[in-house]
Amino acid sequence: MTGASSGLGARFATVLAGEGAHVIACARRADRLEQVASASARIVPMRCDVADPADRAALVERALTVTGRIDILVNNAGVSSGGNGQQAQLDALEKVFAVNVQAVFALTHMVAEHMFERQCGTVINISSMFGQVAATPVGDAPYVASKSALNGLTRELANQWAPRGVRVNAIAPGWFATEMNSGLLEDERSARWLAGQCPMGRPGREHELDGVLLFLASDASSYCTGQVIAVDGGWTIR
């Protein structure tokens, strides 16, 4: 589980551990990871920068050492460009793609090699509804482009790896309270606008991604691969 130090990643780690999984929870902020790990003895914290090849290799090695095998990979780590002032800069695009696409590509291939040996495994990429529609009200071209690329990567790897027993799917959350968008949701004017634009009239609640996460992580989704499942209160159907 990458990007597990806060927000959706911390929730995902706790939910999977609660269902009996041994979770290697990684992120760059070790202090935050310790807090997440305090919720369950099944959560093993590990500092890791997924953009660093050496850290990715160490993460896979640690997972195999702790559990002996890797059944599920959740690629949750992600960054944005930093908003309107940064999104037109090439270095912002490179930074976002390094984490949101390149690191996912590299880590997923590393983990898949071990899954292929057992003809079994599931990869869950955490995308965004903004991989399917334009970002509003804050423009972020690098972020939107990266999540669109992640959706394409999800479909293509699913297609290639289905005969080898590995499923690859993605969750595309809508507006949930995370560090990346907390400013918008906490601003009264912005919150009213978002509520008016969303068919369900509100942002998502913390528990409302649990079901799709567990569905994709388990045999309940044994005939499901290459899908990008939006959990967005209807935002993308407008």
Protein backbone atom coordinates (compact mmCIF):
# COMPACT_ATOMS: atom_id res chain seq x y z
CA MET A 1 0.00 0.00 0.00
CA THR A 2 1.65 3.22 -1.15
CA GLY A 3 0.72 6.71 0.00
CA ALA A 4 -0.56 5.29 3.29
CA SER A 5 0.39 8.08 5.69
CA SER A 6 -2.87 10.04 5.52
CA GLY A 7 -6.25 10.45 3.85
CA LEU A 8 -7.52 7.67 1.63
CA GLY A 9 -4.32 5.64 1.93
CA ALA A 10 -4.47 5.53 5.72
CA ARG A 11 -8.11 4.49 5.54
CA PHE A 12 -7.38 1.79 2.96
CA ALA A 13 -4.57 0.33 5.09
CA THR A 14 -6.82 0.18 8.14
CA VAL A 15 -9.73 -1.37 6.23
CA LEU A 16 -7.60 -4.08 4.63
CA ALA A 17 -5.93 -4.90 7.95
CA GLY A 18 -9.35 -5.11 9.55
CA GLU A 19 -10.28 -7.81 7.06
CA GLY A 20 -7.22 -9.88 7.92
CA ALA A 21 -4.60 -8.65 5.45
CA HIS A 22 -1.01 -8.00 6.44
CA VAL A 23 -0.39 -4.49 5.09
CA ILE A 24 2.99 -2.97 4.34
CA ALA A 25 2.05 0.70 4.61
CA CYS A 26 4.54 2.98 2.93
CA ALA A 27 4.89 6.72 2.41
CA ARG A 28 7.53 9.41 2.80
CA ARG A 29 6.39 10.63 6.24
CA ALA A 30 7.50 8.05 8.78
CA ASP A 31 5.86 9.79 11.74
CA ARG A 32 2.46 9.69 10.09
CA LEU A 33 2.93 6.03 9.20
CA GLU A 34 3.57 5.17 12.83
CA GLN A 35 0.22 6.70 13.73
CA VAL A 36 -1.52 4.64 11.05
CA ALA A 37 0.24 1.46 12.17
CA SER A 38 -0.89 1.99 15.76
CA ALA A 39 -4.41 1.06 14.65
CA SER A 40 -3.50 -2.58 13.94
CA ALA A 41 -0.70 -5.05 14.51
CA ARG A 42 -1.26 -6.15 10.92
CA ILE A 43 0.00 -2.81 9.56
CA VAL A 44 3.77 -2.63 9.07
CA PRO A 45 5.00 0.94 8.49
CA MET A 46 7.85 1.59 6.06
CA ARG A 47 9.23 4.88 4.85
CA CYS A 48 9.41 4.81 1.07
CA ASP A 49 9.55 7.33 -1.75
CA VAL A 50 7.95 5.51 -4.66
CA ALA A 51 9.72 7.81 -7.13
CA ASP A 52 13.05 6.35 -5.93
CA PRO A 53 14.00 3.03 -7.62
CA ALA A 54 15.98 1.86 -4.58
CA ASP A 55 13.05 2.54 -2.27
CA ARG A 56 10.70 0.61 -4.56
CA ALA A 57 13.03 -2.39 -4.55
CA ALA A 58 13.31 -2.24 -0.76
CA LEU A 59 9.53 -2.09 -0.44
CA VAL A 60 9.03 -5.26 -2.48
CA GLU A 61 11.77 -7.04 -0.54
CA ARG A 62 10.23 -6.01 2.78
CA ALA A 63 6.80 -7.19 1.73
CA LEU A 64 8.15 -10.59 0.72
CA THR A 65 10.13 -10.86 3.95
CA VAL A 66 7.13 -10.06 6.14
CA THR A 67 4.41 -11.97 4.32
CA GLY A 68 6.22 -14.41 2.02
CA ARG A 69 4.08 -13.35 -0.93
CA ILE A 70 2.25 -10.35 -2.35
CA ASP A 71 -1.44 -10.86 -3.07
CA ILE A 72 -2.58 -7.23 -3.42
CA LEU A 73 -0.87 -4.05 -4.54
CA VAL A 74 -2.62 -0.74 -3.91
CA ASN A 75 -1.00 2.13 -5.79
CA ASN A 76 -2.36 5.09 -3.86
CA ALA A 77 0.58 7.53 -3.74
CA GLY A 78 -0.13 10.63 -5.80
CA VAL A 79 0.72 14.30 -6.13
CA SER A 80 -0.72 17.34 -7.89
CA SER A 81 1.11 20.16 -9.63
CA GLY A 82 0.33 22.66 -6.89
CA GLY A 83 -2.45 24.57 -8.60
CA ASN A 84 -2.91 27.20 -11.26
CA GLY A 85 0.41 28.90 -10.62
CA GLN A 86 2.43 25.75 -11.29
CA GLN A 87 0.44 23.67 -13.74
CA ALA A 88 1.90 25.23 -16.89
CA GLN A 89 5.48 24.43 -15.88
CA LEU A 90 7.25 21.49 -17.51
CA ASP A 91 8.97 20.55 -14.27
CA ALA A 92 5.56 20.30 -12.61
CA LEU A 93 4.45 17.85 -15.29
CA GLU A 94 7.60 15.79 -14.79
CA LYS A 95 7.15 15.74 -11.01
CA VAL A 96 3.54 14.64 -11.22
CA PHE A 97 4.19 11.94 -13.82
CA ALA A 98 7.19 10.63 -11.86
CA VAL A 99 4.89 9.71 -8.95
CA ASN A 100 1.47 9.21 -10.52
CA VAL A 101 2.52 7.21 -13.58
CA GLN A 102 6.18 6.19 -13.75
CA ALA A 103 6.39 4.95 -10.16
CA VAL A 104 3.15 3.01 -10.58
CA PHE A 105 4.41 1.48 -13.82
CA ALA A 106 7.74 0.42 -12.27
CA LEU A 107 6.43 -0.85 -8.93
CA THR A 108 3.55 -2.73 -10.51
CA HIS A 109 5.89 -4.57 -12.87
CA MET A 110 8.17 -5.50 -9.97
CA VAL A 111 5.31 -6.88 -7.91
CA ALA A 112 3.67 -8.61 -10.87
CA GLU A 113 6.75 -10.76 -11.42
CA HIS A 114 6.05 -12.41 -8.07
CA MET A 115 2.32 -12.68 -8.78
CA PHE A 116 2.98 -14.40 -12.11
CA GLU A 117 4.80 -17.20 -10.30
CA ARG A 118 1.58 -18.09 -8.47
CA GLN A 119 -0.79 -17.12 -11.30
CA CYS A 120 -2.64 -15.01 -8.79
CA GLY A 121 -2.78 -11.39 -7.68
CA THR A 122 -4.70 -8.14 -7.87
CA VAL A 123 -3.51 -4.59 -8.50
CA ILE A 124 -5.67 -1.65 -7.46
CA ASN A 125 -4.66 1.74 -8.86
CA ILE A 126 -6.12 4.80 -7.19
CA SER A 127 -7.00 7.12 -10.03
CA SER A 128 -9.42 10.06 -9.93
CA MET A 129 -12.64 11.15 -11.57
CA PHE A 130 -10.39 13.78 -13.15
CA GLY A 131 -8.86 11.02 -15.21
CA GLN A 132 -12.25 10.91 -16.97
CA VAL A 133 -13.37 14.55 -17.00
CA ALA A 134 -11.71 17.95 -16.82
CA ALA A 135 -10.73 19.24 -13.39
CA THR A 136 -13.08 21.83 -11.96
CA PRO A 137 -12.92 24.31 -10.29
CA VAL A 138 -9.13 24.18 -9.93
CA GLY A 139 -7.28 23.49 -13.17
CA ASP A 140 -4.41 21.04 -13.00
CA ALA A 141 -3.37 19.80 -16.44
CA PRO A 142 -0.47 17.61 -15.20
CA TYR A 143 -2.69 15.87 -12.64
CA VAL A 144 -5.52 15.29 -15.11
CA ALA A 145 -3.08 14.01 -17.72
CA SER A 146 -1.43 11.67 -15.22
CA LYS A 147 -4.70 10.14 -14.06
CA SER A 148 -5.83 9.71 -17.65
CA ALA A 149 -2.55 7.91 -18.33
CA LEU A 150 -3.06 5.77 -15.22
CA ASN A 151 -6.47 4.68 -16.50
CA GLY A 152 -4.92 3.66 -19.81
CA LEU A 153 -2.13 1.82 -18.03
CA THR A 154 -4.72 -0.01 -15.93
CA ARG A 155 -6.57 -1.25 -19.01
CA GLU A 156 -3.46 -2.27 -20.92
CA LEU A 157 -1.79 -4.16 -18.08
CA ALA A 158 -5.10 -5.88 -17.34
CA ASN A 159 -5.31 -6.98 -20.95
CA GLN A 160 -1.75 -8.30 -21.02
CA TRP A 161 -1.80 -9.99 -17.64
CA ALA A 162 -5.24 -11.59 -17.55
CA PRO A 163 -3.89 -14.88 -19.00
CA ARG A 164 -1.27 -14.89 -16.24
CA GLY A 165 -3.80 -14.68 -13.40
CA VAL A 166 -3.21 -11.06 -12.42
CA ARG A 167 -6.09 -8.60 -12.37
CA VAL A 168 -5.59 -4.83 -12.64
CA ASN A 169 -8.36 -2.37 -11.85
CA ALA A 170 -8.67 1.23 -10.70
CA ILE A 171 -10.83 3.25 -8.35
CA ALA A 172 -11.63 6.81 -9.43
CA PRO A 173 -12.75 8.75 -6.34
CA GLY A 174 -14.66 12.00 -6.56
CA TRP A 175 -14.52 14.70 -3.92
CA PHE A 176 -13.31 13.16 -0.67
CA ALA A 177 -11.61 14.98 2.19
CA THR A 178 -7.86 14.56 1.60
CA GLU A 179 -4.86 16.81 2.10
CA MET A 180 -4.88 17.57 -1.64
CA ASN A 181 -8.35 19.10 -1.66
CA SER A 182 -9.09 19.97 1.97
CA GLY A 183 -8.91 23.68 1.21
CA LEU A 184 -11.77 23.46 -1.25
CA LEU A 185 -14.00 21.38 0.97
CA GLU A 186 -13.37 23.56 4.01
CA ASP A 187 -14.16 26.79 2.17
CA GLU A 188 -17.88 27.48 2.58
CA ARG A 189 -18.36 29.07 -0.84
CA SER A 190 -16.48 26.29 -2.65
CA ALA A 191 -18.31 23.61 -0.69
CA ARG A 192 -21.67 25.07 -1.72
CA TRP A 193 -20.60 25.17 -5.36
CA LEU A 194 -19.42 21.57 -5.27
CA ALA A 195 -22.64 20.44 -3.62
CA GLY A 196 -24.62 22.17 -6.34
CA GLN A 197 -22.59 20.53 -9.12
CA CYS A 198 -22.65 16.98 -7.74
CA PRO A 199 -25.83 14.98 -8.45
CA MET A 200 -25.76 13.55 -4.92
CA GLY A 201 -25.24 17.03 -3.50
CA ARG A 202 -22.27 16.33 -1.24
CA PRO A 203 -18.67 15.10 -1.09
CA GLY A 204 -17.93 11.48 -0.31
CA ARG A 205 -17.76 10.19 3.25
CA GLU A 206 -14.74 8.38 4.62
CA HIS A 207 -16.27 4.90 4.54
CA GLU A 208 -17.75 5.13 1.04
CA LEU A 209 -14.69 3.72 -0.71
CA ASP A 210 -14.41 0.72 1.61
CA GLY A 211 -16.80 -1.46 -0.37
CA VAL A 212 -15.18 -1.04 -3.78
CA LEU A 213 -11.72 -1.47 -2.25
CA LEU A 214 -12.67 -4.78 -0.65
CA PHE A 215 -14.52 -5.89 -3.79
CA LEU A 216 -11.42 -5.40 -5.95
CA ALA A 217 -9.06 -6.83 -3.33
CA SER A 218 -11.03 -10.04 -2.91
CA ASP A 219 -12.29 -12.97 -4.96
CA ALA A 220 -15.64 -11.19 -5.16
CA SER A 221 -14.17 -9.46 -8.23
CA SER A 222 -12.57 -12.59 -9.70
CA TYR A 223 -14.09 -11.90 -13.16
CA CYS A 224 -13.38 -8.16 -13.13
CA THR A 225 -10.28 -6.66 -14.70
CA GLY A 226 -9.31 -3.54 -16.61
CA GLN A 227 -12.08 -1.48 -15.03
CA VAL A 228 -11.95 2.10 -13.76
CA ILE A 229 -14.73 2.37 -11.18
CA ALA A 230 -15.84 5.91 -10.38
CA VAL A 231 -17.07 6.55 -6.84
CA ASP A 232 -18.01 10.18 -7.25
CA GLY A 233 -21.62 10.81 -6.31
CA GLY A 234 -22.49 10.96 -9.98
CA TRP A 235 -20.04 13.74 -10.92
CA THR A 236 -18.89 12.07 -14.14
CA ILE A 237 -22.40 11.22 -15.42
CA ARG A 238 -23.48 14.83 -15.84
